[in-house]
Protein backbone atom coordinates (compact mmCIF):
# COMPACT_ATOMS: atom_id res chain seq x y z
CA MET A 1 -0.04 0.01 0.01
CA ALA A 2 2.86 2.38 0.98
CA LEU A 3 4.61 1.52 -2.34
CA PHE A 4 1.36 2.21 -4.31
CA GLN A 5 0.94 5.57 -2.57
CA LYS A 6 4.62 6.39 -3.31
CA LEU A 7 4.13 5.51 -7.00
CA LEU A 8 0.85 7.41 -7.10
CA SER A 9 2.48 10.60 -5.64
CA VAL A 10 5.37 10.29 -8.18
CA PHE A 11 2.82 9.84 -11.06
CA ILE A 12 0.92 12.99 -9.85
CA LEU A 13 4.13 15.00 -9.64
CA VAL A 14 5.03 13.98 -13.25
CA VAL A 15 1.62 14.96 -14.46
CA LEU A 16 1.83 18.31 -12.66
CA VAL A 17 5.26 19.00 -14.33
CA LEU A 18 3.94 18.03 -17.71
CA ASP A 19 0.83 20.27 -17.11
CA LEU A 20 3.09 23.19 -16.24
CA ALA A 21 5.15 22.54 -19.41
CA ASN A 22 2.01 22.45 -21.55
CA ALA A 23 0.13 25.14 -19.67
CA GLN A 24 0.80 27.65 -22.37
CA GLY A 25 -0.13 25.14 -25.11
CA LEU A 26 3.01 25.86 -27.04
CA LYS A 27 5.62 23.40 -28.06
CA LEU A 28 8.79 22.99 -30.08
CA GLY A 29 8.20 21.65 -33.59
CA PHE A 30 4.51 22.50 -33.48
CA TYR A 31 4.32 22.58 -37.29
CA SER A 32 6.57 19.58 -37.92
CA LYS A 33 3.76 17.67 -39.70
CA THR A 34 1.44 20.45 -40.89
CA CYS A 35 4.09 22.81 -42.27
CA PRO A 36 7.56 21.40 -41.68
CA SER A 37 9.32 24.14 -43.74
CA ALA A 38 7.64 27.12 -41.90
CA GLU A 39 10.58 28.01 -39.72
CA ALA A 40 13.10 27.84 -42.54
CA ILE A 41 10.90 30.01 -44.79
CA VAL A 42 10.59 32.70 -42.02
CA LYS A 43 14.33 32.57 -41.32
CA ARG A 44 15.18 32.98 -45.01
CA THR A 45 12.73 35.84 -45.55
CA THR A 46 13.94 37.71 -42.44
CA ALA A 47 17.58 37.31 -43.44
CA GLN A 48 16.83 38.72 -46.85
CA PHE A 49 15.47 41.96 -45.27
CA VAL A 50 17.96 42.26 -42.39
CA SER A 51 21.02 41.66 -44.52
CA ARG A 52 20.00 44.67 -46.66
CA ALA A 53 18.93 46.75 -43.58
CA PRO A 54 20.49 45.60 -40.35
CA SER A 55 18.69 48.45 -38.53
CA LEU A 56 15.41 46.50 -39.02
CA ALA A 57 16.42 43.98 -36.29
CA ALA A 58 15.61 46.40 -33.42
CA PRO A 59 12.13 47.40 -34.47
CA LEU A 60 11.21 43.75 -35.28
CA LEU A 61 12.32 42.73 -31.84
CA ARG A 62 10.48 45.63 -30.33
CA MET A 63 7.34 44.71 -32.26
CA HIS A 64 7.22 41.28 -30.64
CA PHE A 65 7.69 42.91 -27.22
CA HIS A 66 4.88 45.38 -27.94
CA ASP A 67 2.65 42.55 -29.14
CA CYS A 68 3.18 40.37 -26.00
CA PHE A 69 2.71 43.13 -23.46
CA VAL A 70 -0.81 43.93 -24.92
CA ARG A 71 -3.38 41.17 -24.82
CA GLY A 72 -0.54 38.57 -24.90
CA CYS A 73 1.43 37.34 -27.87
CA ASP A 74 -1.57 37.12 -30.25
CA GLY A 75 -0.45 39.26 -33.25
CA SER A 76 -2.94 42.01 -32.22
CA VAL A 77 -0.29 44.66 -32.81
CA LEU A 78 -0.29 43.78 -36.53
CA LEU A 79 -4.01 44.67 -37.10
CA ASN A 80 -4.83 47.80 -39.03
CA SER A 81 -7.25 50.29 -37.72
CA THR A 82 -10.76 50.36 -39.29
CA ARG A 83 -13.43 53.08 -39.58
CA ASN A 84 -15.04 51.75 -36.37
CA ASN A 85 -11.96 50.88 -34.34
CA GLN A 86 -8.55 52.37 -33.71
CA THR A 87 -6.15 49.44 -33.04
CA GLU A 88 -2.98 49.09 -31.02
CA LYS A 89 -0.94 49.95 -34.15
CA SER A 90 -2.39 53.53 -33.98
CA ALA A 91 -1.34 54.16 -30.38
CA PHE A 92 1.44 56.71 -29.92
CA PRO A 93 4.03 54.16 -28.59
CA ASN A 94 3.44 51.94 -31.69
CA GLN A 95 3.47 54.70 -34.32
CA SER A 96 7.29 54.38 -34.54
CA LEU A 97 7.19 50.60 -35.09
CA ARG A 98 8.80 49.58 -38.37
CA GLY A 99 9.19 46.24 -40.27
CA PHE A 100 5.55 45.27 -40.85
CA GLN A 101 6.59 44.53 -44.45
CA VAL A 102 8.89 41.72 -43.14
CA ILE A 103 6.03 40.04 -41.32
CA ASP A 104 3.80 40.35 -44.37
CA ALA A 105 6.51 38.96 -46.64
CA ALA A 106 7.16 35.98 -44.20
CA LYS A 107 3.48 35.32 -43.94
CA SER A 108 2.90 35.42 -47.66
CA ALA A 109 5.77 32.97 -48.29
CA VAL A 110 4.48 30.57 -45.65
CA GLU A 111 0.88 30.81 -47.01
CA LYS A 112 2.09 29.76 -50.46
CA LYS A 113 3.51 26.64 -48.95
CA CYS A 114 0.89 25.87 -46.22
CA PRO A 115 -2.25 27.96 -46.58
CA GLY A 116 -4.16 28.64 -43.35
CA VAL A 117 -1.80 26.78 -41.06
CA VAL A 118 0.80 29.15 -39.39
CA SER A 119 -0.42 32.10 -37.28
CA CYS A 120 0.80 35.68 -37.65
CA ALA A 121 1.62 35.63 -33.88
CA ASP A 122 3.99 32.65 -34.45
CA ILE A 123 5.55 34.37 -37.45
CA LEU A 124 6.17 37.47 -35.43
CA ALA A 125 7.81 35.43 -32.62
CA LEU A 126 10.03 33.66 -35.17
CA VAL A 127 10.95 36.89 -37.04
CA ALA A 128 11.97 38.55 -33.78
CA ARG A 129 14.31 35.67 -33.02
CA ASP A 130 15.69 35.42 -36.57
CA ALA A 131 16.27 39.17 -36.84
CA VAL A 132 18.41 39.18 -33.65
CA SER A 133 20.27 36.08 -34.87
CA ALA A 134 20.96 37.68 -38.23
CA ILE A 135 22.96 40.42 -36.64
CA ASN A 136 25.01 37.86 -34.66
CA GLY A 137 22.90 38.20 -31.47
CA PRO A 138 21.67 35.21 -29.43
CA SER A 139 19.30 32.59 -30.88
CA TRP A 140 16.67 30.47 -29.13
CA ALA A 141 14.34 27.62 -29.83
CA VAL A 142 10.76 29.26 -30.24
CA PRO A 143 7.85 27.09 -28.88
CA LEU A 144 5.00 27.55 -31.36
CA GLY A 145 1.27 27.06 -31.49
CA ARG A 146 -0.02 30.59 -30.93
CA ARG A 147 -3.32 31.58 -32.46
CA ASP A 148 -4.14 35.06 -33.70
CA GLY A 149 -6.43 37.31 -31.66
CA ARG A 150 -9.40 39.13 -33.19
CA VAL A 151 -9.35 42.11 -30.84
CA SER A 152 -6.95 45.08 -30.96
CA ILE A 153 -7.75 48.32 -29.13
CA LEU A 154 -5.65 51.55 -29.08
CA SER A 155 -6.21 52.15 -25.32
CA ASP A 156 -4.94 48.77 -24.37
CA ALA A 157 -1.48 49.75 -25.73
CA LEU A 158 -1.42 52.96 -23.69
CA THR A 159 -2.18 51.23 -20.43
CA ASN A 160 -0.01 48.16 -20.86
CA LEU A 161 3.21 49.17 -22.61
CA PRO A 162 6.04 50.27 -20.23
CA SER A 163 6.90 53.92 -20.69
CA PRO A 164 10.49 55.19 -21.41
CA PHE A 165 9.66 57.74 -18.67
CA ALA A 166 8.81 54.98 -16.07
CA ASN A 167 10.52 54.63 -12.68
CA ILE A 168 11.66 51.35 -11.23
CA THR A 169 8.43 50.79 -9.29
CA GLN A 170 6.31 51.25 -12.38
CA LEU A 171 8.63 49.01 -14.46
CA LYS A 172 8.52 46.18 -11.87
CA ALA A 173 4.72 46.38 -11.68
CA ALA A 174 4.32 46.26 -15.49
CA PHE A 175 6.58 43.25 -15.78
CA SER A 176 4.99 41.46 -12.75
CA SER A 177 1.53 41.88 -14.26
CA LYS A 178 2.75 39.77 -17.20
CA GLY A 179 4.26 37.07 -15.11
CA LEU A 180 7.85 38.32 -15.62
CA THR A 181 10.40 38.66 -12.79
CA VAL A 182 12.60 41.62 -11.76
CA LYS A 183 15.54 39.74 -13.37
CA ASP A 184 13.55 39.45 -16.61
CA LEU A 185 13.13 43.25 -16.49
CA GLY A 186 16.91 43.71 -16.26
CA VAL A 187 17.53 41.18 -19.03
CA LEU A 188 14.92 42.29 -21.52
CA SER A 189 15.98 45.96 -21.05
CA GLY A 190 19.21 44.83 -22.70
CA ALA A 191 17.33 44.87 -26.04
CA HIS A 192 18.23 48.63 -26.01
CA THR A 193 21.72 47.57 -27.12
CA ILE A 194 20.31 47.90 -30.64
CA GLY A 195 18.05 50.49 -32.21
CA ILE A 196 17.35 54.23 -32.24
CA SER A 197 15.02 56.61 -30.43
CA HIS A 198 13.39 59.91 -31.36
CA CYS A 199 14.50 62.84 -29.26
CA THR A 200 10.99 63.23 -27.84
CA SER A 201 11.45 60.09 -25.70
CA PHE A 202 14.21 61.65 -23.61
CA THR A 203 14.48 65.41 -24.16
CA ASN A 204 12.69 66.17 -20.85
CA ARG A 205 15.96 64.80 -19.24
CA LEU A 206 17.98 67.42 -21.15
CA TYR A 207 15.84 70.54 -20.82
CA ASN A 208 12.97 70.40 -18.34
CA PHE A 209 13.30 67.41 -16.02
CA THR A 210 11.17 68.71 -13.09
CA GLY A 211 9.44 71.50 -14.90
CA LYS A 212 11.98 74.13 -13.94
CA GLY A 213 14.25 74.11 -17.00
CA ASP A 214 16.62 71.67 -15.36
CA THR A 215 18.41 68.42 -16.40
CA ASP A 216 18.09 64.89 -14.98
CA PRO A 217 20.82 64.42 -12.35
CA ALA A 218 20.82 60.68 -13.09
CA LEU A 219 22.17 61.39 -16.64
CA ASP A 220 25.85 61.95 -17.08
CA SER A 221 26.50 65.73 -17.61
CA LYS A 222 28.98 65.21 -20.49
CA TYR A 223 26.44 62.87 -22.20
CA ILE A 224 23.79 65.58 -21.74
CA ALA A 225 26.04 68.07 -23.60
CA GLN A 226 26.45 65.62 -26.46
CA LEU A 227 22.73 64.90 -26.72
CA LYS A 228 21.83 68.62 -26.58
CA LYS A 229 23.88 69.16 -29.80
CA LYS A 230 21.67 66.57 -31.56
CA CYS A 231 18.29 67.25 -30.01
CA LYS A 232 16.95 70.76 -29.62
CA PRO A 233 13.87 71.52 -27.55
CA GLY A 234 10.73 70.38 -29.38
CA ASP A 235 12.58 68.35 -31.94
CA ALA A 236 10.21 65.50 -32.95
CA THR A 237 12.09 64.24 -36.04
CA THR A 238 15.71 63.73 -35.13
CA PHE A 239 16.77 60.34 -33.66
CA VAL A 240 19.86 59.02 -31.92
CA ALA A 241 21.36 55.56 -31.30
CA MET A 242 20.45 54.02 -27.97
CA ASP A 243 23.86 52.36 -27.91
CA PRO A 244 26.15 54.95 -29.63
CA GLY A 245 28.87 53.40 -31.80
CA SER A 246 27.13 49.99 -32.28
CA PRO A 247 23.35 50.52 -32.75
CA ASN A 248 23.16 47.37 -35.03
CA LYS A 249 25.38 45.17 -32.91
CA PHE A 250 23.83 42.96 -30.24
CA ASP A 251 26.16 42.96 -27.29
CA ALA A 252 26.28 43.67 -23.57
CA ASP A 253 27.48 47.35 -24.10
CA TYR A 254 24.11 48.69 -23.03
CA TYR A 255 24.87 47.65 -19.46
CA THR A 256 28.19 49.44 -19.51
CA LEU A 257 26.34 52.65 -20.62
CA VAL A 258 23.73 52.28 -17.92
CA SER A 259 26.48 51.78 -15.22
CA LYS A 260 28.09 54.99 -16.48
CA ARG A 261 24.78 56.91 -16.25
CA ARG A 262 24.46 57.02 -20.03
CA GLY A 263 21.30 55.05 -20.55
CA LEU A 264 19.07 57.06 -22.88
CA PHE A 265 15.73 56.78 -21.15
CA GLN A 266 14.63 57.22 -17.53
CA SER A 267 13.54 53.57 -17.66
CA ASP A 268 17.23 52.66 -18.44
CA ALA A 269 18.58 54.84 -15.61
CA ALA A 270 15.94 53.34 -13.27
CA LEU A 271 17.57 49.80 -13.38
CA VAL A 272 20.30 50.87 -10.96
CA ASN A 273 17.58 51.77 -8.35
CA ASP A 274 16.83 48.16 -7.58
CA ASN A 275 19.03 45.53 -5.98
CA VAL A 276 18.22 42.80 -8.46
CA THR A 277 18.44 44.88 -11.71
CA GLY A 278 21.25 46.97 -10.31
CA ALA A 279 23.30 43.86 -9.68
CA TYR A 280 22.50 42.50 -13.11
CA VAL A 281 23.70 45.77 -14.75
CA LYS A 282 26.94 45.64 -12.76
CA LEU A 283 27.52 41.98 -13.66
CA GLN A 284 26.99 42.45 -17.43
CA ALA A 285 28.91 45.74 -17.47
CA THR A 286 31.95 43.92 -16.05
CA SER A 287 31.76 40.56 -17.95
CA GLY A 288 28.70 40.36 -20.21
CA SER A 289 29.28 36.69 -20.16
CA THR A 290 25.70 35.51 -19.38
CA PHE A 291 23.69 38.11 -21.30
CA PHE A 292 23.10 36.04 -24.54
CA LYS A 293 21.89 32.97 -22.52
CA ASP A 294 19.82 35.10 -20.10
CA PHE A 295 18.25 37.04 -23.04
CA ALA A 296 17.30 33.85 -24.89
CA ALA A 297 15.57 32.39 -21.79
CA ALA A 298 13.77 35.64 -21.08
CA MET A 299 12.51 35.86 -24.69
CA VAL A 300 11.09 32.35 -24.57
CA LYS A 301 9.28 33.26 -21.33
CA MET A 302 8.04 36.54 -22.74
CA GLY A 303 6.80 34.77 -25.90
CA GLY A 304 4.41 32.70 -23.74
CA ILE A 305 2.47 35.63 -22.29
CA GLN A 306 -1.28 35.07 -22.43
CA VAL A 307 -1.12 33.11 -25.66
CA LEU A 308 -4.20 31.89 -27.47
CA THR A 309 -4.00 28.15 -28.25
CA GLY A 310 -6.13 25.28 -29.31
CA ASN A 311 -9.40 26.58 -30.78
CA ALA A 312 -9.05 30.10 -29.41
CA GLY A 313 -8.60 32.97 -31.87
CA GLU A 314 -7.96 32.14 -35.54
CA ILE A 315 -5.22 31.71 -38.21
CA ARG A 316 -5.30 34.97 -40.13
CA LYS A 317 -5.03 34.84 -43.90
CA GLN A 318 -3.37 38.33 -43.78
CA CYS A 319 -1.73 39.68 -40.70
CA ALA A 320 -3.19 43.16 -40.87
CA PHE A 321 -6.77 41.94 -41.11
CA ILE A 322 -9.01 39.57 -39.09
CA ASN A 323 -10.58 36.88 -41.31
């Protein structure tokens, strides 16, 4: 009887572990029978675009992040606004997103091979991975099986996307609400090692930080002088690299910048105001040795936020429109 109970408890534990593993409904090789060439097609298409324009890697990675943080990783950020509904794509934080043509091209190529099988949400997750990999950044195995959402609302993006002006308390709350840890916050912020930003996302730190015409004391004064040469008050068109010198190179330099008080956004500077993220910044600034591995793991975790699986949602024919 005791042996039976022991075996039963082991069996229950195994079932619980399997349940946790399948809780998201995603798995590696999801299309191995229904569309075995899907991942190769997406990778090839992404490489064609990024090899011509390496600067596309950052916005494609950002697009996946912006999708997952609003209604989960369901491709809702890809939907166009209609006469009756303004979608996430029209929200101010998403108006600077680029690279939708890459998603559309990958979807079109996959549809030719396997019509109606692969979701836009999965294609976006794959493109983000392949874009980072194409510029010699980390790569990771992407569990698949996401379905596309039918709902996309502008206000959802405004309330869910972390702001570049956020403090550490706000950032931790935003990540926690999505099931992500404080370490995940420190790791995923490292995506700012690639890409650019318009001046409007940080000029308050240069000219009017507390409303008294002052500068942000958390930003290095020499860096402020450099940025002022590029960004004049009210400049809404100029942009600067988030990681000056290597905006298209995926590396741990971002953490060196943050440790030297040269992170571009308030949300970057905020990382040093927490024990966990502060220690992570210090670790990567000195060695950078675990950043790629950590980033890959955090991206897999982020890619599982509130996914639609099974019979939920749909498989869109075109990524910008519901069926």
